[in-house]
Protein backbone atom coordinates (compact mmCIF):
# COMPACT_ATOMS: atom_id res chain seq x y z
CA MET A 1 -33.89 -17.10 -8.40
CA THR A 2 -31.26 -19.78 -7.79
CA SER A 3 -28.53 -19.88 -9.38
CA LEU A 4 -27.38 -22.96 -10.21
CA PRO A 5 -28.87 -23.01 -13.47
CA TYR A 6 -27.04 -20.35 -14.43
CA ILE A 7 -23.41 -21.99 -13.10
CA ALA A 8 -24.77 -25.22 -15.10
CA ARG A 9 -25.31 -22.93 -18.59
CA GLY A 10 -21.44 -21.22 -17.84
CA VAL A 11 -20.02 -24.60 -17.95
CA ALA A 12 -21.48 -26.10 -20.75
CA TYR A 13 -20.88 -23.20 -22.71
CA ARG A 14 -17.21 -23.51 -21.33
CA ARG A 15 -17.16 -26.95 -22.45
CA ASN A 16 -17.97 -26.79 -25.71
CA TRP A 17 -16.06 -23.79 -26.30
CA GLY A 18 -14.30 -24.11 -30.10
CA ALA A 19 -17.85 -26.52 -30.99
CA ALA A 20 -19.18 -25.47 -34.63
CA GLY A 21 -17.10 -22.12 -34.46
CA GLU A 22 -17.80 -20.73 -31.17
CA GLY A 23 -14.86 -19.05 -29.66
CA ALA A 24 -13.24 -18.11 -33.16
CA ALA A 25 -11.28 -15.23 -32.78
CA PRO A 26 -9.31 -13.10 -35.46
CA ALA A 27 -5.92 -13.07 -35.69
CA PRO A 28 -3.93 -12.40 -32.92
CA PHE A 29 -2.07 -9.02 -32.86
CA GLU A 30 1.40 -9.10 -33.98
CA ASP A 31 3.65 -7.88 -30.96
CA GLU A 32 7.55 -7.70 -31.90
CA LYS A 33 8.56 -8.00 -28.62
CA PRO A 34 8.77 -11.73 -27.72
CA ALA A 35 6.68 -12.60 -24.70
CA GLY A 36 8.33 -11.79 -21.37
CA SER A 37 11.12 -9.80 -22.39
CA CYS A 38 10.07 -6.91 -20.31
CA ASN A 39 9.14 -8.88 -17.54
CA PRO A 40 12.18 -8.67 -14.84
CA LEU A 41 10.84 -11.46 -12.70
CA LYS A 42 10.42 -13.99 -16.08
CA SER A 43 13.86 -12.81 -17.18
CA TYR A 44 15.01 -13.35 -13.33
CA PHE A 45 13.84 -17.21 -13.74
CA ASP A 46 15.16 -17.72 -17.12
CA ALA A 47 18.58 -16.64 -16.04
CA HIS A 48 18.73 -18.39 -12.68
CA THR A 49 20.37 -21.83 -13.32
CA GLU A 50 22.16 -22.84 -10.63
CA GLY A 51 21.84 -21.75 -6.95
CA ARG A 52 18.62 -22.16 -4.54
CA GLY A 53 15.53 -23.71 -6.72
CA VAL A 54 12.29 -21.91 -7.77
CA TRP A 55 10.01 -23.86 -9.31
CA LYS A 56 6.96 -21.79 -11.23
CA TRP A 57 4.86 -22.24 -13.78
CA ASN A 58 5.86 -19.68 -16.86
CA HIS A 59 2.58 -18.16 -16.91
CA TYR A 60 2.68 -16.72 -13.39
CA PHE A 61 5.23 -14.13 -14.27
CA GLU A 62 2.83 -12.25 -16.13
CA ILE A 63 0.39 -12.14 -13.61
CA TYR A 64 3.19 -11.78 -10.86
CA ASN A 65 4.16 -8.37 -12.90
CA ARG A 66 0.39 -7.20 -13.43
CA HIS A 67 -0.22 -7.40 -10.18
CA PHE A 68 3.14 -6.93 -8.06
CA SER A 69 4.91 -3.64 -10.10
CA LYS A 70 3.37 -1.38 -8.43
CA PHE A 71 5.48 -1.87 -5.59
CA VAL A 72 8.65 -2.10 -6.82
CA GLY A 73 11.03 0.19 -5.45
CA ARG A 74 9.03 0.76 -2.20
CA GLU A 75 9.66 -0.07 0.73
CA VAL A 76 7.28 -3.18 0.76
CA HIS A 77 7.03 -5.93 2.82
CA VAL A 78 5.90 -9.44 1.13
CA LEU A 79 5.37 -13.03 2.84
CA GLU A 80 5.49 -15.88 1.15
CA ILE A 81 4.28 -19.77 2.39
CA GLY A 82 6.21 -22.43 1.48
CA VAL A 83 9.55 -21.86 1.45
CA TYR A 84 10.59 -25.27 -0.26
CA SER A 85 14.48 -24.26 -1.48
CA GLY A 86 14.51 -20.80 -0.82
CA GLY A 87 14.95 -19.69 -4.67
CA SER A 88 11.66 -17.19 -4.60
CA LEU A 89 12.83 -15.35 -1.73
CA GLU A 90 16.15 -14.13 -3.43
CA MET A 91 13.85 -13.99 -6.84
CA TRP A 92 11.47 -11.59 -4.70
CA ARG A 93 13.96 -9.37 -2.90
CA GLU A 94 15.61 -9.13 -6.48
CA TYR A 95 12.17 -7.89 -8.05
CA PHE A 96 11.15 -5.54 -5.57
CA GLY A 97 14.63 -3.74 -4.48
CA SER A 98 16.48 -3.17 -1.53
CA LYS A 99 13.34 -2.16 0.59
CA CYS A 100 11.69 -5.27 0.17
CA HIS A 101 11.63 -7.50 3.45
CA VAL A 102 10.67 -11.02 2.95
CA HIS A 103 8.78 -13.43 4.91
CA GLY A 104 8.33 -16.74 4.88
CA VAL A 105 6.54 -19.14 6.11
CA ASP A 106 7.35 -22.79 6.30
CA ILE A 107 5.97 -26.38 7.89
CA GLU A 108 9.84 -27.21 7.72
CA GLU A 109 12.34 -26.42 10.34
CA ALA A 110 15.50 -26.42 8.27
CA CYS A 111 13.87 -23.45 6.19
CA LYS A 112 15.04 -21.33 9.10
CA GLY A 113 18.41 -21.24 7.22
CA TYR A 114 17.36 -19.14 4.93
CA GLU A 115 17.19 -16.16 7.25
CA ASN A 116 19.30 -12.84 6.70
CA ASP A 117 19.22 -9.11 7.58
CA TRP A 118 16.11 -9.00 5.03
CA THR A 119 14.45 -12.04 5.16
CA THR A 120 13.00 -13.31 8.31
CA ILE A 121 11.24 -17.38 8.51
CA SER A 122 8.71 -18.22 10.60
CA VAL A 123 8.24 -21.95 10.77
CA GLY A 124 3.95 -23.21 11.13
CA ASP A 125 1.36 -24.57 9.56
CA GLN A 126 -0.58 -22.43 7.69
CA ALA A 127 -3.99 -24.27 8.40
CA ASP A 128 -3.69 -23.32 12.09
CA ARG A 129 -4.88 -20.47 13.15
CA GLY A 130 -3.30 -20.09 16.17
CA PHE A 131 -0.49 -19.82 14.12
CA TRP A 132 -1.67 -16.72 12.59
CA LYS A 133 -2.50 -15.35 15.55
CA LEU A 134 1.16 -14.95 16.50
CA PHE A 135 2.69 -14.10 13.20
CA LYS A 136 0.19 -10.88 12.71
CA GLU A 137 1.20 -10.10 16.34
CA LYS A 138 4.62 -10.04 15.42
CA ASN A 139 4.52 -8.84 12.03
CA PRO A 140 1.81 -5.82 11.92
CA CYS A 141 2.59 -4.62 8.28
CA ILE A 142 1.91 -6.72 5.13
CA ASP A 143 1.75 -5.62 1.83
CA VAL A 144 2.11 -8.66 -0.34
CA LEU A 145 0.93 -12.09 0.39
CA ILE A 146 1.91 -15.75 -1.80
CA ASP A 147 0.73 -18.69 -1.34
CA ASP A 148 2.71 -21.01 -2.56
CA GLY A 149 2.46 -23.70 0.68
CA GLY A 150 0.34 -26.97 1.01
CA HIS A 151 -2.47 -26.36 -1.73
CA GLU A 152 -4.85 -28.10 -0.12
CA ALA A 153 -8.08 -25.91 -0.05
CA GLU A 154 -8.84 -25.87 3.96
CA GLN A 155 -5.05 -24.28 4.02
CA GLN A 156 -5.79 -21.85 1.42
CA ILE A 157 -9.16 -21.15 2.79
CA VAL A 158 -7.40 -20.79 6.66
CA THR A 159 -5.12 -18.63 5.22
CA LEU A 160 -7.44 -16.05 3.30
CA GLU A 161 -9.07 -15.66 6.17
CA GLU A 162 -6.67 -15.15 8.51
CA MET A 163 -4.21 -12.47 6.20
CA LEU A 164 -6.71 -10.95 3.70
CA PRO A 165 -8.06 -8.16 6.41
CA HIS A 166 -4.28 -8.09 8.09
CA LEU A 167 -3.14 -6.96 4.45
CA ARG A 168 -2.30 -3.15 4.36
CA PRO A 169 -4.44 -1.05 2.10
CA GLY A 170 -3.82 -1.36 -1.34
CA GLY A 171 -2.12 -4.75 -0.33
CA VAL A 172 -2.55 -7.75 -2.99
CA TYR A 173 -2.79 -11.49 -2.18
CA LEU A 174 -1.52 -14.28 -4.32
CA CYS A 175 -2.54 -17.76 -4.16
CA GLU A 176 -1.19 -20.53 -6.71
CA ASP A 177 -1.88 -24.02 -7.68
CA VAL A 178 -5.55 -23.68 -7.53
CA HIS A 179 -5.33 -27.31 -9.60
CA GLY A 180 -8.88 -28.75 -11.15
CA GLU A 181 -12.10 -28.10 -11.68
CA GLN A 182 -13.61 -29.26 -8.78
CA HIS A 183 -11.16 -27.66 -6.42
CA ARG A 184 -13.01 -26.31 -3.28
CA PHE A 185 -10.74 -23.24 -2.72
CA HIS A 186 -12.11 -22.29 -6.26
CA SER A 187 -15.46 -22.90 -5.18
CA TYR A 188 -14.89 -20.73 -2.05
CA ILE A 189 -13.51 -17.64 -4.11
CA GLN A 190 -16.26 -17.79 -6.33
CA GLY A 191 -18.67 -17.69 -3.11
CA MET A 192 -16.73 -14.53 -2.06
CA ALA A 193 -16.83 -12.64 -5.68
CA THR A 194 -20.58 -12.56 -5.27
CA GLY A 195 -20.03 -10.10 -2.66
CA LEU A 196 -18.52 -7.98 -5.02
CA ASN A 197 -21.99 -7.32 -6.67
CA SER A 198 -23.74 -6.00 -3.73
CA ASN A 199 -26.34 -3.94 -4.52
CA ILE A 200 -27.94 -1.37 -1.58
CA PRO A 201 -29.01 1.84 -3.60
CA ASN A 202 -28.28 5.42 -1.60
CA MET A 203 -31.75 7.49 -2.69
CA ASN A 204 -29.63 10.85 -2.20
CA HIS A 205 -30.40 12.90 -5.36
CA PRO A 206 -31.70 10.57 -7.62
CA GLU A 207 -32.68 12.66 -10.52
CA THR A 208 -28.15 13.19 -11.17
CA ARG A 209 -26.93 10.05 -10.40
CA MET A 210 -27.50 6.54 -9.04
CA ALA A 211 -25.34 5.22 -6.25
CA CYS A 212 -25.27 2.03 -3.90
CA ILE A 213 -24.01 2.21 -0.27
CA PRO A 214 -20.98 -0.34 -0.23
CA THR A 215 -21.13 -3.28 1.53
CA GLN A 216 -17.63 -3.44 4.25
CA PHE A 217 -16.50 -6.33 1.68
CA GLN A 218 -16.94 -3.80 -1.49
CA SER A 219 -15.43 -0.90 1.17
CA ALA A 220 -12.22 -3.25 1.28
CA ILE A 221 -11.77 -5.76 -1.37
CA HIS A 222 -11.12 -3.65 -5.15
CA SER A 223 -10.96 -6.55 -7.45
CA ILE A 224 -10.72 -10.50 -7.48
CA HIS A 225 -9.09 -12.41 -10.20
CA LEU A 226 -9.14 -15.25 -11.81
CA TYR A 227 -6.15 -17.03 -14.21
CA PRO A 228 -5.06 -20.40 -14.90
CA TYR A 229 -4.11 -22.36 -11.68
CA VAL A 230 -3.73 -18.51 -9.53
CA THR A 231 -6.36 -16.53 -7.65
CA VAL A 232 -5.70 -12.89 -7.31
CA ILE A 233 -7.24 -10.21 -4.97
CA GLU A 234 -6.65 -6.20 -4.36
CA LYS A 235 -7.48 -4.47 -1.96
CA ASN A 236 -8.42 -0.88 -2.18
CA ASP A 237 -5.77 2.09 -1.42
CA ARG A 238 -8.73 3.63 1.01
CA PRO A 239 -12.15 3.03 1.91
CA LEU A 240 -14.71 3.04 -0.84
CA LEU A 241 -17.20 5.40 0.08
CA GLU A 242 -19.71 5.22 -2.34
CA LEU A 243 -20.40 3.53 -5.80
CA ALA A 244 -22.02 6.05 -8.31
CA ALA A 245 -22.97 6.61 -11.64
CA PRO A 246 -23.40 10.43 -12.44
CA LYS A 247 -25.52 11.53 -15.10
CA HIS A 248 -23.61 13.83 -17.27
CA GLY A 249 -25.07 15.55 -20.20
CA THR A 250 -28.70 17.17 -21.17
CA GLU A 251 -30.22 15.45 -24.02
CA TRP A 252 -32.01 12.00 -22.52
CA GLN A 253 -34.71 9.27 -24.60
CA PRO A 254 -38.18 9.75 -22.65
CA PHE A 255 -38.28 5.68 -22.01
CA LEU A 256 -34.85 5.82 -20.20
């Protein structure tokens, strides 16, 4: 059965959010700490009033910290596509720590001027698969990828297709500035995300559990997260060998 009617139903529900009381919620939890007060990236950004420019949406910082914090203090290789004025290169280094090496990619040759002992700049077009082939040969280890490049769907799709498999296990891919309800990259991600629900039964021991054999995609990809303007994909720390639902307990309803 086609999923289009259900996509249309979801669109209609979202557009009518708030009508006739839909979407009403209790009062929010009163947090004594102001938003962002425990987020070192947001603190860095708020305090950064001089020097190389950093330009980010405020809500990005909670997303960054949620998905990147596990790498803080570790040896980590961070790739940022779209160097611009160079300020975010410094921000990532400050956040992840002295064991971090930042790889910047930009189409502008002048960005090579940002190179130093902990920053490497590669000049190239993110929509060029040949560029990524050479980049991967020179840089076999990437843990975090931040796509803040050209923001065009084809650029984002090519980058994902070339670099998501290249990220190390446990790696995190983040694409920024996916603006607009009809953005083709978002549609691409929706198509990808359906693969997380693949269901290939493994009939071993059905009396004690239900289990499925992961596809190669499920084995590699832990989760896909959608936020306003941002897509995050996390990889599994190790290949997933099985999706299992064991049965625990001794009392069961006969109709189950």
